[in-house]
N, C-alpha and C. Protein backbone atom coordinates (compact mmCIF):
# COMPACT_ATOMS: atom_id res chain seq x y z
N MET A 1 0.84 -1.17 0.00
CA MET A 1 0.00 0.00 0.00
C MET A 1 0.89 1.24 0.00
N GLN A 2 0.64 2.16 -0.89
CA GLN A 2 1.42 3.38 -0.95
C GLN A 2 0.73 4.47 -0.14
N ARG A 3 1.51 5.22 0.60
CA ARG A 3 0.99 6.32 1.41
C ARG A 3 1.51 7.62 0.82
N PRO A 4 0.85 8.76 1.09
CA PRO A 4 1.28 10.03 0.52
C PRO A 4 2.74 10.38 0.81
N ASN A 5 3.24 10.04 1.99
CA ASN A 5 4.60 10.39 2.34
C ASN A 5 5.55 9.20 2.34
N GLY A 6 5.11 8.10 1.83
CA GLY A 6 5.97 6.92 1.80
C GLY A 6 5.23 5.72 1.28
N GLY A 7 5.94 4.62 1.21
CA GLY A 7 5.34 3.39 0.72
C GLY A 7 5.72 2.22 1.60
N SER A 8 4.88 1.21 1.62
CA SER A 8 5.13 0.02 2.43
C SER A 8 5.34 -1.19 1.56
N ILE A 9 6.29 -2.00 1.96
CA ILE A 9 6.62 -3.25 1.28
C ILE A 9 6.59 -4.34 2.34
N VAL A 10 5.86 -5.40 2.09
CA VAL A 10 5.82 -6.53 3.02
C VAL A 10 6.25 -7.77 2.26
N ILE A 11 7.26 -8.44 2.78
CA ILE A 11 7.73 -9.71 2.20
C ILE A 11 7.44 -10.77 3.24
N GLY A 12 6.55 -11.70 2.91
CA GLY A 12 6.11 -12.72 3.86
C GLY A 12 4.72 -12.40 4.37
N LYS A 13 4.33 -13.02 5.45
CA LYS A 13 3.01 -12.85 6.06
C LYS A 13 3.11 -11.87 7.22
N HIS A 14 2.57 -10.67 7.04
CA HIS A 14 2.65 -9.64 8.07
C HIS A 14 2.06 -10.16 9.37
N GLY A 15 2.78 -9.95 10.45
CA GLY A 15 2.31 -10.37 11.75
C GLY A 15 2.94 -11.64 12.27
N TRP A 16 3.54 -12.44 11.39
CA TRP A 16 4.14 -13.68 11.88
C TRP A 16 5.57 -13.83 11.37
N ARG A 17 5.74 -14.15 10.13
CA ARG A 17 7.08 -14.28 9.53
C ARG A 17 7.14 -13.33 8.35
N HIS A 18 7.83 -12.23 8.53
CA HIS A 18 7.88 -11.25 7.46
C HIS A 18 9.04 -10.27 7.67
N VAL A 19 9.37 -9.58 6.61
CA VAL A 19 10.22 -8.41 6.66
C VAL A 19 9.41 -7.31 5.99
N SER A 20 9.25 -6.18 6.66
CA SER A 20 8.51 -5.08 6.07
C SER A 20 9.36 -3.81 6.09
N PHE A 21 9.13 -2.98 5.09
CA PHE A 21 9.85 -1.72 4.97
C PHE A 21 8.80 -0.61 4.82
N HIS A 22 8.97 0.46 5.54
CA HIS A 22 8.21 1.68 5.25
C HIS A 22 9.25 2.64 4.69
N VAL A 23 9.11 2.94 3.41
CA VAL A 23 10.12 3.70 2.67
C VAL A 23 9.62 5.11 2.41
N PHE A 24 10.53 6.07 2.55
CA PHE A 24 10.18 7.45 2.23
C PHE A 24 11.41 8.15 1.64
N PRO A 25 11.19 9.12 0.76
CA PRO A 25 12.31 9.80 0.10
C PRO A 25 13.11 10.63 1.09
N SER A 26 14.42 10.63 0.89
CA SER A 26 15.32 11.41 1.73
C SER A 26 16.51 11.83 0.87
N GLU A 27 16.48 13.07 0.41
CA GLU A 27 17.52 13.61 -0.47
C GLU A 27 17.64 12.73 -1.71
N ASP A 28 18.81 12.20 -1.99
CA ASP A 28 19.01 11.40 -3.20
C ASP A 28 18.89 9.90 -2.95
N LYS A 29 18.34 9.52 -1.80
CA LYS A 29 18.21 8.10 -1.46
C LYS A 29 16.82 7.84 -0.91
N LEU A 30 16.58 6.61 -0.51
CA LEU A 30 15.32 6.23 0.12
C LEU A 30 15.62 5.76 1.54
N ALA A 31 15.05 6.43 2.52
CA ALA A 31 15.19 6.01 3.91
C ALA A 31 14.10 4.97 4.19
N ALA A 32 14.36 4.09 5.14
CA ALA A 32 13.37 3.05 5.45
C ALA A 32 13.42 2.66 6.91
N LYS A 33 12.23 2.39 7.44
CA LYS A 33 12.06 1.76 8.74
C LYS A 33 11.81 0.29 8.42
N VAL A 34 12.62 -0.58 8.97
CA VAL A 34 12.53 -2.01 8.69
C VAL A 34 12.02 -2.74 9.93
N ASN A 35 11.06 -3.60 9.73
CA ASN A 35 10.57 -4.48 10.79
C ASN A 35 10.74 -5.91 10.32
N VAL A 36 11.22 -6.75 11.21
CA VAL A 36 11.35 -8.17 10.90
C VAL A 36 10.70 -8.97 12.02
N SER A 37 10.00 -10.01 11.63
CA SER A 37 9.39 -10.91 12.59
C SER A 37 9.61 -12.33 12.09
N ASN A 38 10.14 -13.16 12.96
CA ASN A 38 10.39 -14.56 12.60
C ASN A 38 9.93 -15.40 13.77
N GLY A 39 8.68 -15.80 13.73
CA GLY A 39 8.11 -16.52 14.87
C GLY A 39 7.95 -15.57 16.04
N HIS A 40 8.52 -15.95 17.18
CA HIS A 40 8.40 -15.13 18.38
C HIS A 40 9.45 -14.03 18.45
N TRP A 41 10.41 -14.01 17.55
CA TRP A 41 11.47 -13.02 17.55
C TRP A 41 11.13 -11.90 16.59
N SER A 42 11.38 -10.67 17.03
CA SER A 42 11.13 -9.54 16.15
C SER A 42 12.06 -8.40 16.50
N GLY A 43 12.20 -7.48 15.56
CA GLY A 43 13.05 -6.32 15.78
C GLY A 43 12.84 -5.30 14.68
N MET A 44 13.52 -4.17 14.82
CA MET A 44 13.40 -3.12 13.81
C MET A 44 14.68 -2.32 13.74
N CYS A 45 14.85 -1.65 12.64
CA CYS A 45 16.00 -0.76 12.47
C CYS A 45 15.69 0.25 11.38
N ASP A 46 16.52 1.27 11.32
CA ASP A 46 16.47 2.24 10.24
C ASP A 46 17.57 1.91 9.25
N THR A 47 17.32 2.20 7.99
CA THR A 47 18.32 1.96 6.96
C THR A 47 18.08 2.92 5.80
N ALA A 48 18.89 2.82 4.79
CA ALA A 48 18.73 3.65 3.59
C ALA A 48 19.13 2.85 2.36
N PHE A 49 18.43 3.11 1.27
CA PHE A 49 18.73 2.49 0.00
C PHE A 49 19.13 3.55 -1.00
N LEU A 50 20.11 3.26 -1.81
CA LEU A 50 20.42 4.14 -2.93
C LEU A 50 19.32 3.97 -3.97
N ARG A 51 19.05 5.02 -4.71
CA ARG A 51 18.08 4.91 -5.80
C ARG A 51 18.53 3.80 -6.74
N GLY A 52 17.60 2.94 -7.09
CA GLY A 52 17.89 1.84 -8.00
C GLY A 52 18.03 0.49 -7.32
N GLU A 53 18.37 0.46 -6.04
CA GLU A 53 18.56 -0.82 -5.35
C GLU A 53 17.26 -1.61 -5.23
N LEU A 54 16.17 -0.94 -4.86
CA LEU A 54 14.88 -1.63 -4.76
C LEU A 54 14.36 -2.01 -6.14
N HIS A 55 14.61 -1.15 -7.13
CA HIS A 55 14.20 -1.45 -8.51
C HIS A 55 14.93 -2.70 -9.01
N GLN A 56 16.21 -2.81 -8.74
CA GLN A 56 16.99 -3.98 -9.17
C GLN A 56 16.47 -5.24 -8.49
N PHE A 57 16.17 -5.15 -7.19
CA PHE A 57 15.62 -6.29 -6.46
C PHE A 57 14.29 -6.71 -7.07
N ALA A 58 13.46 -5.72 -7.43
CA ALA A 58 12.17 -6.01 -8.08
C ALA A 58 12.39 -6.75 -9.40
N GLN A 59 13.32 -6.28 -10.20
CA GLN A 59 13.61 -6.95 -11.49
C GLN A 59 14.09 -8.38 -11.26
N ASP A 60 14.94 -8.56 -10.27
CA ASP A 60 15.48 -9.90 -9.99
C ASP A 60 14.38 -10.85 -9.49
N ILE A 61 13.46 -10.34 -8.66
CA ILE A 61 12.35 -11.18 -8.19
C ILE A 61 11.42 -11.51 -9.36
N GLU A 62 11.17 -10.55 -10.23
CA GLU A 62 10.32 -10.78 -11.40
C GLU A 62 10.92 -11.87 -12.30
N LYS A 63 12.22 -11.82 -12.52
CA LYS A 63 12.90 -12.83 -13.32
C LYS A 63 12.84 -14.20 -12.63
N LEU A 64 13.07 -14.20 -11.32
CA LEU A 64 12.99 -15.44 -10.54
C LEU A 64 11.60 -16.05 -10.65
N HIS A 65 10.57 -15.23 -10.56
CA HIS A 65 9.20 -15.72 -10.67
C HIS A 65 8.94 -16.33 -12.04
N ALA A 66 9.48 -15.72 -13.09
CA ALA A 66 9.31 -16.24 -14.44
C ALA A 66 10.10 -17.54 -14.65
N ASP A 67 11.32 -17.57 -14.13
CA ASP A 67 12.20 -18.74 -14.32
C ASP A 67 11.91 -19.86 -13.33
N THR A 68 11.35 -19.55 -12.19
CA THR A 68 11.03 -20.42 -11.05
C THR A 68 12.24 -20.98 -10.31
N LYS A 69 13.44 -20.81 -10.85
CA LYS A 69 14.64 -21.33 -10.19
C LYS A 69 15.72 -20.26 -10.20
N GLY A 70 16.39 -20.11 -9.06
CA GLY A 70 17.46 -19.13 -8.96
C GLY A 70 17.34 -18.30 -7.70
N GLN A 71 18.00 -17.14 -7.72
CA GLN A 71 18.00 -16.27 -6.55
C GLN A 71 17.85 -14.81 -6.95
N ALA A 72 17.24 -14.06 -6.06
CA ALA A 72 17.17 -12.60 -6.15
C ALA A 72 17.76 -12.08 -4.85
N VAL A 73 18.79 -11.25 -4.95
CA VAL A 73 19.50 -10.77 -3.78
C VAL A 73 19.31 -9.27 -3.62
N LEU A 74 18.91 -8.85 -2.43
CA LEU A 74 18.80 -7.43 -2.12
C LEU A 74 20.20 -6.94 -1.77
N ALA A 75 20.75 -6.10 -2.64
CA ALA A 75 22.10 -5.58 -2.43
C ALA A 75 22.02 -4.15 -1.92
N GLN A 76 22.52 -3.93 -0.72
CA GLN A 76 22.55 -2.60 -0.11
C GLN A 76 23.99 -2.13 -0.08
N ARG A 77 24.27 -1.04 -0.76
CA ARG A 77 25.65 -0.54 -0.78
C ARG A 77 25.90 0.55 0.26
N LEU A 78 24.89 1.32 0.61
CA LEU A 78 25.07 2.47 1.49
C LEU A 78 25.18 2.05 2.95
N THR A 79 24.19 1.38 3.46
CA THR A 79 24.17 0.90 4.84
C THR A 79 23.70 -0.55 4.83
N PRO A 80 24.61 -1.49 4.86
CA PRO A 80 24.23 -2.91 4.72
C PRO A 80 23.60 -3.51 5.97
N ASN A 81 22.42 -2.98 6.34
CA ASN A 81 21.70 -3.51 7.50
C ASN A 81 20.92 -4.77 7.15
N ILE A 82 20.61 -4.95 5.88
CA ILE A 82 19.74 -6.05 5.47
C ILE A 82 20.48 -6.97 4.51
N ASP A 83 20.41 -8.24 4.81
CA ASP A 83 20.95 -9.28 3.96
C ASP A 83 19.75 -10.16 3.62
N MET A 84 19.27 -10.12 2.37
CA MET A 84 18.08 -10.90 2.00
C MET A 84 18.26 -11.54 0.65
N THR A 85 17.90 -12.82 0.58
CA THR A 85 17.90 -13.56 -0.67
C THR A 85 16.57 -14.28 -0.81
N VAL A 86 15.91 -14.08 -1.95
CA VAL A 86 14.70 -14.84 -2.28
C VAL A 86 15.13 -15.92 -3.25
N THR A 87 14.78 -17.16 -2.94
CA THR A 87 15.24 -18.31 -3.72
C THR A 87 14.05 -19.11 -4.23
N GLY A 88 14.16 -19.56 -5.48
CA GLY A 88 13.17 -20.46 -6.07
C GLY A 88 13.84 -21.78 -6.40
N ASP A 89 13.15 -22.89 -6.14
CA ASP A 89 13.74 -24.21 -6.35
C ASP A 89 13.39 -24.83 -7.70
N GLY A 90 12.64 -24.12 -8.53
CA GLY A 90 12.25 -24.66 -9.83
C GLY A 90 10.99 -25.49 -9.78
N LYS A 91 10.44 -25.72 -8.60
CA LYS A 91 9.22 -26.52 -8.43
C LYS A 91 8.06 -25.69 -7.89
N GLY A 92 8.22 -24.35 -7.92
CA GLY A 92 7.16 -23.47 -7.42
C GLY A 92 7.27 -23.11 -5.96
N HIS A 93 8.38 -23.50 -5.32
CA HIS A 93 8.59 -23.17 -3.91
C HIS A 93 9.59 -22.02 -3.82
N TYR A 94 9.23 -21.02 -3.01
CA TYR A 94 10.09 -19.85 -2.84
C TYR A 94 10.32 -19.60 -1.35
N THR A 95 11.52 -19.13 -1.03
CA THR A 95 11.85 -18.77 0.35
C THR A 95 12.54 -17.41 0.37
N ALA A 96 12.39 -16.74 1.50
CA ALA A 96 13.15 -15.52 1.78
C ALA A 96 14.01 -15.83 2.99
N ALA A 97 15.30 -15.55 2.89
CA ALA A 97 16.22 -15.84 3.98
C ALA A 97 17.23 -14.70 4.10
N GLY A 98 17.71 -14.50 5.31
CA GLY A 98 18.72 -13.48 5.52
C GLY A 98 18.74 -13.01 6.95
N SER A 99 19.16 -11.75 7.13
CA SER A 99 19.23 -11.18 8.47
C SER A 99 19.06 -9.67 8.39
N VAL A 100 18.67 -9.10 9.52
CA VAL A 100 18.54 -7.65 9.66
C VAL A 100 19.36 -7.26 10.89
N ARG A 101 20.22 -6.27 10.69
CA ARG A 101 21.08 -5.76 11.76
C ARG A 101 20.71 -4.33 12.09
N ASP A 102 20.58 -4.04 13.38
CA ASP A 102 20.30 -2.68 13.79
C ASP A 102 21.52 -1.79 13.51
N ASP A 103 22.69 -2.29 13.82
CA ASP A 103 23.94 -1.56 13.64
C ASP A 103 24.90 -2.51 12.96
N PHE A 104 25.17 -2.28 11.69
CA PHE A 104 25.96 -3.25 10.92
C PHE A 104 27.40 -3.37 11.40
N ALA A 105 27.85 -2.47 12.27
CA ALA A 105 29.21 -2.56 12.80
C ALA A 105 29.30 -3.52 14.00
N HIS A 106 28.15 -3.96 14.52
CA HIS A 106 28.13 -4.86 15.67
C HIS A 106 27.42 -6.16 15.30
N SER A 107 27.38 -7.08 16.24
CA SER A 107 26.89 -8.42 15.91
C SER A 107 25.44 -8.68 16.28
N ASN A 108 24.66 -7.67 16.67
CA ASN A 108 23.25 -7.88 17.01
C ASN A 108 22.43 -7.98 15.73
N TYR A 109 21.71 -9.08 15.57
CA TYR A 109 20.90 -9.26 14.37
C TYR A 109 19.80 -10.27 14.62
N ILE A 110 18.81 -10.26 13.72
CA ILE A 110 17.76 -11.27 13.70
C ILE A 110 17.84 -11.96 12.36
N ALA A 111 17.95 -13.27 12.39
CA ALA A 111 17.97 -14.06 11.16
C ALA A 111 16.55 -14.52 10.85
N PHE A 112 16.28 -14.71 9.57
CA PHE A 112 14.96 -15.19 9.16
C PHE A 112 15.09 -16.13 7.99
N ASP A 113 14.12 -17.00 7.87
CA ASP A 113 14.05 -17.96 6.77
C ASP A 113 12.60 -18.44 6.74
N PHE A 114 11.85 -18.03 5.72
CA PHE A 114 10.45 -18.42 5.66
C PHE A 114 10.01 -18.61 4.21
N ALA A 115 8.94 -19.37 4.05
CA ALA A 115 8.39 -19.67 2.72
C ALA A 115 7.57 -18.48 2.22
N LEU A 116 7.55 -18.32 0.90
CA LEU A 116 6.72 -17.32 0.24
C LEU A 116 5.76 -18.01 -0.69
N ASP A 117 4.54 -17.54 -0.74
CA ASP A 117 3.56 -18.01 -1.70
C ASP A 117 3.93 -17.42 -3.06
N PRO A 118 3.97 -18.21 -4.12
CA PRO A 118 4.32 -17.68 -5.44
C PRO A 118 3.44 -16.49 -5.86
N ASN A 119 2.19 -16.46 -5.40
CA ASN A 119 1.29 -15.35 -5.74
C ASN A 119 1.70 -14.03 -5.08
N GLU A 120 2.55 -14.10 -4.05
CA GLU A 120 3.02 -12.89 -3.38
C GLU A 120 4.08 -12.16 -4.20
N LEU A 121 4.81 -12.88 -5.04
CA LEU A 121 5.95 -12.28 -5.73
C LEU A 121 5.57 -11.08 -6.60
N PRO A 122 4.52 -11.15 -7.43
CA PRO A 122 4.17 -9.95 -8.21
C PRO A 122 3.76 -8.76 -7.34
N ILE A 123 3.16 -9.02 -6.20
CA ILE A 123 2.76 -7.95 -5.28
C ILE A 123 4.00 -7.30 -4.68
N ILE A 124 4.98 -8.12 -4.32
CA ILE A 124 6.25 -7.61 -3.79
C ILE A 124 6.95 -6.76 -4.85
N VAL A 125 6.98 -7.25 -6.09
CA VAL A 125 7.62 -6.53 -7.19
C VAL A 125 6.99 -5.15 -7.36
N GLU A 126 5.67 -5.09 -7.37
CA GLU A 126 5.00 -3.81 -7.56
C GLU A 126 5.25 -2.88 -6.39
N ALA A 127 5.28 -3.39 -5.17
CA ALA A 127 5.55 -2.55 -4.00
C ALA A 127 6.97 -1.99 -4.04
N LEU A 128 7.94 -2.80 -4.47
CA LEU A 128 9.32 -2.33 -4.61
C LEU A 128 9.41 -1.23 -5.66
N ARG A 129 8.73 -1.42 -6.77
CA ARG A 129 8.75 -0.41 -7.84
C ARG A 129 8.06 0.87 -7.39
N ALA A 130 6.96 0.74 -6.67
CA ALA A 130 6.25 1.93 -6.18
C ALA A 130 7.14 2.72 -5.22
N ALA A 131 7.89 2.02 -4.40
CA ALA A 131 8.79 2.70 -3.46
C ALA A 131 9.86 3.48 -4.21
N GLU A 132 10.36 2.95 -5.30
CA GLU A 132 11.37 3.66 -6.10
C GLU A 132 10.80 4.92 -6.75
N ARG A 133 9.48 4.97 -6.94
CA ARG A 133 8.87 6.14 -7.58
C ARG A 133 8.60 7.29 -6.59
N LEU A 134 8.86 7.06 -5.33
CA LEU A 134 8.61 8.11 -4.32
C LEU A 134 9.52 9.30 -4.54
């Protein structure tokens, strides 16, 4: 869902196992509030994306959805708080795995690994693209 001052991206099932971003424009980049929940563990942090990073992730997920096998990696060059890979096994099964760090210079982080419904991928792609248009 896009909001007037920002956009939201949810990867996974909100409320249980998910990574969500609330993205808003900040100078020449996109600032984001990140929430991660993996079962009973949850946390949040602030981060920033360079313009184009979310668009590239969207393209990679779209290709993965079409090919059904491979990986789409979220590459953060500015502040590497998020390590995320979406993987397809070629049989219609997709997973999101990685970690979110509050402070990338220290070792505090939450790891996650959860299944994604194939029908979620186009919704994620559109949300990533909408965030880039902010």
